[in-house]
Amino acid sequence: MLLATFDPIKIKYLQHMNWKGVFPAVTTKFHKDGSLDMDLFFKNLDFQLESGVHGIILGGTLGESSVLSQEEKIQLTKETVQYIGGKVPVILNIAEGATRDAIAWAKEAENLGASGLMILPPMRYAADAREVVAYFKAVANSTQLPMMIYNNPVDYKTLVTLDMFEELAECENIQAIKESTRDISNVTRMHNRFGDRFKILCGVDTLAMEELLMGAVGWVAGLVCAFPKETVAVYNLIQEGKIDEARKIYQWFLPLLELDIHPKLVQYIKLAEHHCGIGSEHVRAPRLTLIGEERERIEKIILDGIQNRPKI
């Protein structure tokens, strides 16, 4: 693990994270040659901030974290923290196979000035419930940073159950859950069992309005990367009780939001960013940019959405 020498900005969100709101899981921008394109990345961040997002999440699936080097992850985190300058919290995703590597990244995130962590269960090895709980506790006990557990059994094959969350509740810095089970009722189950002990953020774009209405307090969003104003508008209108207005935007949005629940969500969302003028479609191999019938089909969804974009 590389250790940064950067002197972190003292961010007010440290240990006191407000997990409410829209948190874009931002894409990582590349030049055509595959190198990081930080200028384009910052351009997109500007649009996110201007639209009123409440935090930024780095290094998730959309961020193509699995194909970034350690040096690139450090650069991305360091420069994002500096660029954001404390305006909103910067969350670093941890998706590791070894507990010691996850702990090392948690400590590195602190060194780099990150505001919090989003963490997946152990990667590659199918850990059982006892092992998953031990993994999360080990990372939580290694850092002062607030943490959000990413519960996505559909894509990552590990379900974090209510009984497991019962054990994790003793770790005060495990504060939030990215709810991606695809079961809307799980929001109510969590509230019935734990009250407001854990803040629940919807992690599936196509269920966001439904989960927000059922008690989720935030949205870890994907299509926000291309459509930040509309994403924030849906969230804000729901908070204001303007459900019919939110529903109209959400109905327009749904064909675009469905791009988030496909194995090629990175390519699809990056193509949307490209057409919205706040990103490029460059991806890093083994991913390839879209071609042929697939490209035409996805492009039509995106361009139809842009053409019929509601006034915010």
Protein backbone atom coordinates (compact mmCIF):
# COMPACT_ATOMS: atom_id res chain seq x y z
CA MET A 1 0.00 0.00 0.00
CA LEU A 2 1.31 3.42 -0.96
CA LEU A 3 1.12 6.04 1.78
CA ALA A 4 0.35 9.59 0.81
CA THR A 5 2.40 12.50 2.07
CA PHE A 6 -0.50 14.92 1.47
CA ASP A 7 -1.47 16.99 4.49
CA PRO A 8 -5.26 16.52 4.54
CA ILE A 9 -7.73 19.37 4.69
CA LYS A 10 -9.58 19.34 7.99
CA ILE A 11 -13.14 18.73 6.84
CA LYS A 12 -16.06 19.46 9.14
CA TYR A 13 -17.84 16.26 8.09
CA LEU A 14 -15.23 14.00 9.72
CA GLN A 15 -17.00 11.75 12.25
CA HIS A 16 -20.18 13.83 11.93
CA MET A 17 -21.41 12.86 8.48
CA ASN A 18 -24.80 14.00 7.27
CA TRP A 19 -25.79 11.04 5.10
CA LYS A 20 -28.91 12.74 3.74
CA GLY A 21 -29.23 13.76 0.11
CA VAL A 22 -27.92 12.87 -3.32
CA PHE A 23 -24.48 11.26 -3.46
CA PRO A 24 -23.23 10.74 -7.04
CA ALA A 25 -21.12 7.64 -7.58
CA VAL A 26 -18.98 9.50 -10.07
CA THR A 27 -17.28 8.01 -13.10
CA THR A 28 -13.53 8.28 -13.57
CA LYS A 29 -12.66 10.27 -16.66
CA PHE A 30 -9.97 9.06 -19.07
CA HIS A 31 -8.19 10.46 -22.08
CA LYS A 32 -8.31 8.37 -25.26
CA ASP A 33 -4.90 6.91 -24.34
CA GLY A 34 -6.30 5.65 -21.02
CA SER A 35 -4.66 8.20 -18.73
CA LEU A 36 -6.68 10.09 -16.13
CA ASP A 37 -8.45 13.17 -17.47
CA MET A 38 -8.69 15.29 -14.34
CA ASP A 39 -9.79 18.43 -16.20
CA LEU A 40 -12.89 16.68 -17.53
CA PHE A 41 -13.43 15.05 -14.13
CA PHE A 42 -13.45 18.48 -12.47
CA LYS A 43 -15.81 19.83 -15.13
CA ASN A 44 -18.29 17.14 -14.18
CA LEU A 45 -17.77 17.85 -10.48
CA ASP A 46 -18.62 21.49 -11.12
CA PHE A 47 -21.95 20.47 -12.64
CA GLN A 48 -22.66 18.18 -9.69
CA LEU A 49 -21.94 20.92 -7.16
CA GLU A 50 -23.88 23.57 -9.07
CA SER A 51 -26.87 21.22 -9.17
CA GLY A 52 -26.83 20.87 -5.38
CA VAL A 53 -25.58 17.34 -4.72
CA HIS A 54 -24.82 16.55 -1.11
CA GLY A 55 -21.66 14.45 -1.43
CA ILE A 56 -19.31 12.71 -3.87
CA ILE A 57 -18.45 8.99 -3.91
CA LEU A 58 -15.17 7.90 -5.51
CA GLY A 59 -13.95 4.49 -6.57
CA GLY A 60 -17.20 2.60 -6.95
CA THR A 61 -18.24 0.36 -9.81
CA LEU A 62 -19.03 3.41 -11.93
CA GLY A 63 -15.61 4.77 -11.05
CA GLU A 64 -13.98 1.67 -12.63
CA SER A 65 -12.07 1.18 -9.41
CA SER A 66 -11.06 -2.39 -10.28
CA VAL A 67 -8.90 -1.16 -13.18
CA LEU A 68 -7.29 1.79 -11.37
CA SER A 69 -3.82 1.50 -9.92
CA GLN A 70 -3.16 2.35 -6.28
CA GLU A 71 -1.35 5.48 -7.41
CA GLU A 72 -4.35 6.56 -9.50
CA LYS A 73 -6.79 5.99 -6.63
CA ILE A 74 -4.61 8.10 -4.37
CA GLN A 75 -4.31 10.84 -6.99
CA LEU A 76 -8.05 10.82 -7.64
CA THR A 77 -8.89 11.04 -3.93
CA LYS A 78 -6.25 13.62 -3.10
CA GLU A 79 -7.12 15.94 -5.97
CA THR A 80 -10.88 15.58 -5.45
CA VAL A 81 -10.58 16.48 -1.76
CA GLN A 82 -8.50 19.51 -2.67
CA TYR A 83 -10.86 20.57 -5.47
CA ILE A 84 -14.05 20.15 -3.42
CA GLY A 85 -12.46 22.09 -0.56
CA GLY A 86 -14.97 20.93 2.05
CA LYS A 87 -18.09 22.06 0.15
CA VAL A 88 -19.53 18.54 0.39
CA PRO A 89 -18.15 15.29 1.85
CA VAL A 90 -15.94 13.07 -0.30
CA ILE A 91 -16.53 9.36 0.26
CA LEU A 92 -14.04 6.70 -0.82
CA ASN A 93 -15.31 3.24 -1.74
CA ILE A 94 -13.45 0.19 -0.42
CA ALA A 95 -13.81 -3.09 -2.31
CA GLU A 96 -11.00 -5.44 -1.32
CA GLY A 97 -10.43 -9.16 -0.95
CA ALA A 98 -8.16 -9.03 2.09
CA THR A 99 -9.06 -7.47 5.42
CA ARG A 100 -5.60 -5.96 5.80
CA ASP A 101 -5.94 -4.23 2.41
CA ALA A 102 -9.33 -2.80 3.36
CA ILE A 103 -7.86 -1.50 6.63
CA ALA A 104 -4.92 0.00 4.76
CA TRP A 105 -7.29 1.86 2.42
CA ALA A 106 -9.34 3.11 5.36
CA LYS A 107 -6.21 4.57 6.91
CA GLU A 108 -5.13 5.97 3.54
CA ALA A 109 -8.51 7.63 3.13
CA GLU A 110 -7.98 9.41 6.44
CA ASN A 111 -4.51 10.54 5.33
CA LEU A 112 -5.96 11.91 2.11
CA GLY A 113 -8.69 13.91 3.86
CA ALA A 114 -11.67 11.82 2.80
CA SER A 115 -14.86 12.46 4.77
CA GLY A 116 -16.08 8.88 4.98
CA LEU A 117 -16.06 5.39 3.52
CA MET A 118 -18.40 3.19 1.57
CA ILE A 119 -17.47 -0.46 1.97
CA LEU A 120 -18.44 -3.69 0.26
CA PRO A 121 -18.20 -7.18 1.77
CA PRO A 122 -14.98 -9.07 0.94
CA MET A 123 -14.46 -9.45 -2.79
CA ARG A 124 -13.90 -12.76 -4.63
CA TYR A 125 -14.05 -15.02 -1.55
CA ALA A 126 -17.65 -15.87 -0.62
CA ALA A 127 -17.40 -15.09 3.10
CA ASP A 128 -20.07 -16.37 5.48
CA ALA A 129 -22.01 -14.15 7.88
CA ARG A 130 -19.50 -14.41 10.72
CA GLU A 131 -16.61 -13.55 8.39
CA VAL A 132 -18.42 -10.60 6.80
CA VAL A 133 -19.28 -9.12 10.20
CA ALA A 134 -15.69 -9.59 11.38
CA TYR A 135 -14.42 -7.90 8.20
CA PHE A 136 -16.66 -4.85 8.61
CA LYS A 137 -15.85 -4.56 12.32
CA ALA A 138 -12.11 -4.79 11.68
CA VAL A 139 -12.26 -1.91 9.21
CA ALA A 140 -14.59 0.16 11.40
CA ASN A 141 -12.32 -0.29 14.41
CA SER A 142 -9.29 0.84 12.39
CA THR A 143 -10.61 4.30 11.51
CA GLN A 144 -12.48 7.31 12.84
CA LEU A 145 -14.16 7.85 9.48
CA PRO A 146 -17.94 7.35 9.19
CA MET A 147 -18.85 4.29 7.14
CA MET A 148 -21.66 3.22 4.86
CA ILE A 149 -22.18 -0.52 4.26
CA TYR A 150 -22.95 -1.32 0.61
CA ASN A 151 -25.57 -4.09 0.69
CA ASN A 152 -25.86 -5.46 -2.85
CA PRO A 153 -26.47 -9.23 -2.92
CA VAL A 154 -27.65 -9.12 -6.54
CA ASP A 155 -24.32 -8.03 -7.99
CA TYR A 156 -21.88 -9.07 -5.25
CA LYS A 157 -23.60 -12.24 -3.98
CA THR A 158 -23.41 -11.39 -0.28
CA LEU A 159 -26.50 -10.36 1.65
CA VAL A 160 -25.93 -8.36 4.81
CA THR A 161 -28.90 -9.49 6.89
CA LEU A 162 -30.73 -7.68 9.67
CA ASP A 163 -29.10 -10.01 12.20
CA MET A 164 -25.68 -9.02 10.84
CA PHE A 165 -26.56 -5.34 11.13
CA GLU A 166 -27.56 -6.04 14.74
CA GLU A 167 -23.98 -7.09 15.43
CA LEU A 168 -22.55 -4.17 13.45
CA ALA A 169 -24.63 -1.62 15.38
CA GLU A 170 -22.01 -1.64 18.17
CA CYS A 171 -19.59 0.15 15.82
CA GLU A 172 -20.62 3.79 16.13
CA ASN A 173 -18.95 4.83 12.90
CA ILE A 174 -20.99 2.34 10.86
CA GLN A 175 -23.72 4.87 10.26
CA ALA A 176 -25.38 4.25 6.91
CA ILE A 177 -26.43 1.62 4.39
CA LYS A 178 -26.45 1.76 0.63
CA GLU A 179 -29.61 -0.29 0.14
CA SER A 180 -29.29 -2.25 -3.10
CA THR A 181 -31.10 -5.48 -2.29
CA ARG A 182 -33.81 -4.57 -4.88
CA ASP A 183 -36.37 -5.25 -2.13
CA ILE A 184 -38.16 -2.02 -1.25
CA SER A 185 -39.63 -3.67 1.83
CA ASN A 186 -36.14 -3.91 3.28
CA VAL A 187 -36.27 -0.18 4.00
CA THR A 188 -39.26 -0.77 6.27
CA ARG A 189 -37.68 -3.87 7.83
CA MET A 190 -34.60 -1.84 8.74
CA HIS A 191 -36.71 0.96 10.22
CA ASN A 192 -38.83 -1.51 12.20
CA ARG A 193 -35.74 -3.20 13.63
CA PHE A 194 -33.35 -0.29 14.14
CA GLY A 195 -35.33 2.95 14.03
CA ASP A 196 -32.97 5.66 12.81
CA ARG A 197 -29.76 3.92 14.00
CA PHE A 198 -28.71 3.46 10.37
CA LYS A 199 -29.30 6.04 7.65
CA ILE A 200 -30.64 4.31 4.56
CA LEU A 201 -29.65 5.52 1.09
CA CYS A 202 -31.16 3.97 -2.03
CA GLY A 203 -28.46 2.45 -4.23
CA VAL A 204 -30.61 1.47 -7.22
CA ASP A 205 -31.65 4.31 -9.53
CA THR A 206 -34.87 2.62 -10.67
CA LEU A 207 -36.14 2.33 -7.09
CA ALA A 208 -35.05 5.72 -5.79
CA MET A 209 -38.38 7.50 -5.59
CA GLU A 210 -40.06 4.45 -4.12
CA GLU A 211 -37.43 4.00 -1.40
CA LEU A 212 -37.31 7.71 -0.58
CA LEU A 213 -41.06 7.63 -0.06
CA MET A 214 -40.66 4.61 2.24
CA GLY A 215 -38.12 6.30 4.47
CA ALA A 216 -34.72 6.28 2.77
CA VAL A 217 -32.95 9.57 3.49
CA GLY A 218 -30.54 9.58 0.56
CA TRP A 219 -29.77 8.39 -2.93
CA VAL A 220 -26.43 6.99 -4.09
CA ALA A 221 -27.07 7.77 -7.74
CA GLY A 222 -25.65 6.74 -11.11
CA LEU A 223 -27.44 8.69 -13.86
CA VAL A 224 -26.81 11.80 -11.78
CA CYS A 225 -23.40 11.73 -13.47
CA ALA A 226 -25.12 12.94 -16.66
CA PHE A 227 -28.34 14.44 -15.25
CA PRO A 228 -27.52 16.05 -11.89
CA LYS A 229 -30.24 18.73 -11.93
CA GLU A 230 -33.02 16.22 -12.50
CA THR A 231 -31.71 13.84 -9.85
CA VAL A 232 -31.47 16.55 -7.21
CA ALA A 233 -34.88 17.90 -8.23
CA VAL A 234 -36.56 14.52 -7.64
CA TYR A 235 -34.93 14.27 -4.21
CA ASN A 236 -35.75 17.84 -3.18
CA LEU A 237 -39.36 17.66 -4.34
CA ILE A 238 -39.93 14.50 -2.33
CA GLN A 239 -38.46 16.16 0.76
CA GLU A 240 -40.83 19.09 0.20
CA GLY A 241 -43.82 16.77 -0.10
CA LYS A 242 -44.38 17.72 -3.75
CA ILE A 243 -44.92 14.12 -4.79
CA ASP A 244 -46.84 14.74 -8.02
CA GLU A 245 -44.13 17.10 -9.29
CA ALA A 246 -41.43 14.60 -8.38
CA ARG A 247 -43.35 11.79 -10.07
CA LYS A 248 -43.54 13.68 -13.37
CA ILE A 249 -39.76 14.07 -13.49
CA TYR A 250 -39.24 10.49 -12.33
CA GLN A 251 -41.52 9.12 -15.06
CA TRP A 252 -39.49 10.98 -17.68
CA PHE A 253 -36.29 9.79 -16.00
CA LEU A 254 -37.06 6.07 -15.73
CA PRO A 255 -35.86 4.91 -19.20
CA LEU A 256 -32.54 6.63 -18.44
CA LEU A 257 -32.38 5.30 -14.89
CA GLU A 258 -32.71 1.77 -16.25
CA LEU A 259 -29.27 2.18 -17.81
CA ASP A 260 -27.94 1.90 -14.25
CA ILE A 261 -29.07 -1.71 -13.74
CA HIS A 262 -27.16 -3.34 -16.61
CA PRO A 263 -23.70 -4.97 -16.51
CA LYS A 264 -22.54 -2.26 -18.95
CA LEU A 265 -23.77 0.58 -16.76
CA VAL A 266 -20.33 2.22 -16.97
CA GLN A 267 -20.38 2.40 -20.78
CA TYR A 268 -24.04 3.44 -20.83
CA ILE A 269 -23.68 6.22 -18.28
CA LYS A 270 -20.44 7.48 -19.77
CA LEU A 271 -22.15 7.71 -23.17
CA ALA A 272 -24.89 9.76 -21.50
CA GLU A 273 -22.27 12.03 -19.93
CA HIS A 274 -20.70 12.47 -23.36
CA HIS A 275 -23.98 13.52 -24.96
CA CYS A 276 -24.70 15.90 -22.07
CA GLY A 277 -21.31 17.56 -22.57
CA ILE A 278 -19.94 16.75 -19.12
CA GLY A 279 -17.92 13.61 -19.80
CA SER A 280 -16.51 11.28 -22.41
CA GLU A 281 -17.24 7.69 -23.34
CA HIS A 282 -13.62 6.58 -22.84
CA VAL A 283 -13.42 3.46 -20.67
CA ARG A 284 -10.51 1.28 -19.62
CA ALA A 285 -10.08 -2.26 -20.94
CA PRO A 286 -11.43 -4.87 -20.63
CA ARG A 287 -14.43 -2.58 -21.08
CA LEU A 288 -14.86 -1.29 -24.62
CA THR A 289 -16.95 1.58 -25.96
CA LEU A 290 -20.29 0.64 -27.47
CA ILE A 291 -20.72 -0.24 -31.14
CA GLY A 292 -23.39 -1.41 -33.56
CA GLU A 293 -27.01 -2.10 -32.64
CA GLU A 294 -26.32 -1.82 -28.91
CA ARG A 295 -24.86 1.65 -29.29
CA GLU A 296 -27.77 2.80 -31.48
CA ARG A 297 -30.32 1.47 -28.98
CA ILE A 298 -28.69 3.08 -25.93
CA GLU A 299 -27.99 6.29 -27.78
CA LYS A 300 -31.66 6.57 -28.74
CA ILE A 301 -32.70 6.30 -25.09
CA ILE A 302 -30.22 8.99 -24.13
CA LEU A 303 -31.06 11.37 -26.99
CA ASP A 304 -34.81 10.93 -26.48
CA GLY A 305 -34.29 11.79 -22.82
CA ILE A 306 -32.28 14.90 -23.67
CA GLN A 307 -34.82 16.02 -26.27
CA ASN A 308 -37.72 15.69 -23.81
CA ARG A 309 -35.82 16.94 -20.78
CA PRO A 310 -38.13 18.63 -18.28
CA LYS A 311 -37.61 22.22 -17.24
CA ILE A 312 -36.20 22.37 -13.72
